[in-house]
Amino acid sequence: MLNQYYGFIDTLVGREIERLGPDDLLLVVSAFGMEPLSPGKRVLEIIAGNPQISGTHERAPDGFVLAFGANVAPGRPPRASVVDLAPTILYFLGLPVGRDMDGFCAN
């Protein structure tokens, strides 16, 4: 089920990438990753009446940010955190970034 959901999301993101204009920015953000349930926990969810539950965040990897657009440089920034999102979006929109904001602008 988790793999089906990943496929569904991949399709949605692909559609949006195709629709991007030259000045558009698409951010795909996940606060945390997912991992499949262990077989034992999967059986417990089925017994508990939750057969659609197939993943967990318990020991899953960290989240991620993917940025797409003509003005996005390829590669990874040297460091990144969730607090970097607001300054980066403000910068992209041409708005001032507060000096007292946590995070940095990935420009």
Protein backbone atom coordinates (compact mmCIF):
# COMPACT_ATOMS: atom_id res chain seq x y z
CA MET A 1 0.00 0.00 0.00
CA LEU A 2 2.83 2.42 0.83
CA ASN A 3 4.44 1.81 -2.57
CA GLN A 4 1.09 2.51 -4.27
CA TYR A 5 0.84 5.81 -2.41
CA TYR A 6 4.39 6.76 -3.42
CA GLY A 7 3.42 6.02 -7.04
CA PHE A 8 0.31 8.18 -6.71
CA ILE A 9 2.29 11.12 -5.28
CA ASP A 10 4.98 10.70 -7.95
CA THR A 11 2.30 10.99 -10.62
CA LEU A 12 0.90 14.17 -9.06
CA VAL A 13 4.33 15.78 -8.76
CA GLY A 14 5.14 14.82 -12.36
CA ARG A 15 1.97 16.51 -13.59
CA GLU A 16 2.80 19.70 -11.71
CA ILE A 17 6.38 19.74 -13.02
CA GLU A 18 5.03 19.57 -16.57
CA ARG A 19 2.79 22.57 -15.87
CA LEU A 20 5.56 24.80 -14.47
CA GLY A 21 6.03 28.13 -16.19
CA PRO A 22 9.43 29.80 -16.61
CA ASP A 23 9.02 31.82 -13.39
CA ASP A 24 7.29 29.15 -11.28
CA LEU A 25 8.62 27.30 -8.28
CA LEU A 26 7.35 23.93 -7.06
CA LEU A 27 8.32 22.79 -3.57
CA VAL A 28 7.58 19.25 -2.43
CA VAL A 29 8.00 19.08 1.33
CA SER A 30 7.78 16.18 3.76
CA ALA A 31 8.37 16.83 7.45
CA PHE A 32 9.35 13.21 7.98
CA GLY A 33 9.82 10.01 6.02
CA MET A 34 7.86 6.79 6.08
CA GLU A 35 8.79 3.16 6.41
CA PRO A 36 6.64 0.07 5.92
CA LEU A 37 5.09 -1.53 8.99
CA SER A 38 6.77 -4.67 10.24
CA PRO A 39 4.79 -7.85 9.44
CA GLY A 40 3.68 -8.12 13.09
CA LYS A 41 2.41 -4.54 13.25
CA ARG A 42 0.73 -4.97 9.87
CA VAL A 43 -1.23 -7.97 11.21
CA LEU A 44 -2.18 -5.97 14.33
CA GLU A 45 -3.51 -3.11 12.20
CA ILE A 46 -5.58 -5.54 10.13
CA ILE A 47 -7.00 -7.15 13.29
CA ALA A 48 -7.71 -3.69 14.77
CA GLY A 49 -9.76 -2.85 11.68
CA ASN A 50 -7.20 -0.56 10.03
CA PRO A 51 -6.22 -2.54 6.92
CA GLN A 52 -5.19 0.64 5.03
CA ILE A 53 -2.43 1.46 7.56
CA SER A 54 0.78 0.19 5.98
CA GLY A 55 3.46 2.65 7.08
CA THR A 56 4.86 4.37 10.14
CA HIS A 57 7.10 7.29 11.09
CA GLU A 58 8.63 5.55 14.14
CA ARG A 59 12.14 4.96 12.80
CA ALA A 60 11.65 6.46 9.38
CA PRO A 61 14.24 8.67 7.70
CA ASP A 62 14.23 12.44 8.00
CA GLY A 63 11.96 14.45 5.77
CA PHE A 64 12.96 16.21 2.59
CA VAL A 65 12.44 19.23 0.38
CA LEU A 66 12.52 18.99 -3.40
CA ALA A 67 12.56 22.20 -5.42
CA PHE A 68 11.75 22.41 -9.11
CA GLY A 69 11.87 25.43 -11.40
CA ALA A 70 14.01 27.28 -13.90
CA ASN A 71 15.64 29.35 -11.14
CA VAL A 72 16.52 26.37 -8.95
CA ALA A 73 20.21 25.47 -8.98
CA PRO A 74 20.92 21.73 -9.28
CA GLY A 75 22.41 19.89 -6.34
CA ARG A 76 22.07 20.10 -2.59
CA PRO A 77 22.67 23.10 -0.38
CA PRO A 78 25.53 22.61 2.07
CA ARG A 79 23.01 22.41 4.89
CA ALA A 80 19.26 22.68 5.14
CA SER A 81 16.55 22.68 7.76
CA VAL A 82 12.81 23.19 7.96
CA VAL A 83 13.46 26.75 9.21
CA ASP A 84 15.05 27.53 5.83
CA LEU A 85 11.74 27.18 3.98
CA ALA A 86 10.21 30.54 4.92
CA PRO A 87 13.28 32.65 4.02
CA THR A 88 13.69 30.77 0.74
CA ILE A 89 10.04 31.26 -0.24
CA LEU A 90 10.15 34.94 0.72
CA TYR A 91 13.29 35.42 -1.37
CA PHE A 92 11.70 33.67 -4.36
CA LEU A 93 8.63 35.92 -4.09
CA GLY A 94 10.84 39.02 -4.01
CA LEU A 95 9.82 39.84 -0.44
CA PRO A 96 12.20 40.90 2.33
CA VAL A 97 13.65 38.23 4.57
CA GLY A 98 13.68 39.30 8.22
CA ARG A 99 17.12 39.49 9.77
CA ASP A 100 15.70 37.94 12.92
CA MET A 101 14.38 34.85 11.12
CA ASP A 102 15.96 31.52 11.86
CA GLY A 103 17.29 29.70 8.85
CA PHE A 104 18.98 30.90 5.71
CA CYS A 105 17.89 31.54 2.14
CA ALA A 106 18.97 28.85 -0.28
CA ASN A 107 19.40 31.08 -3.33
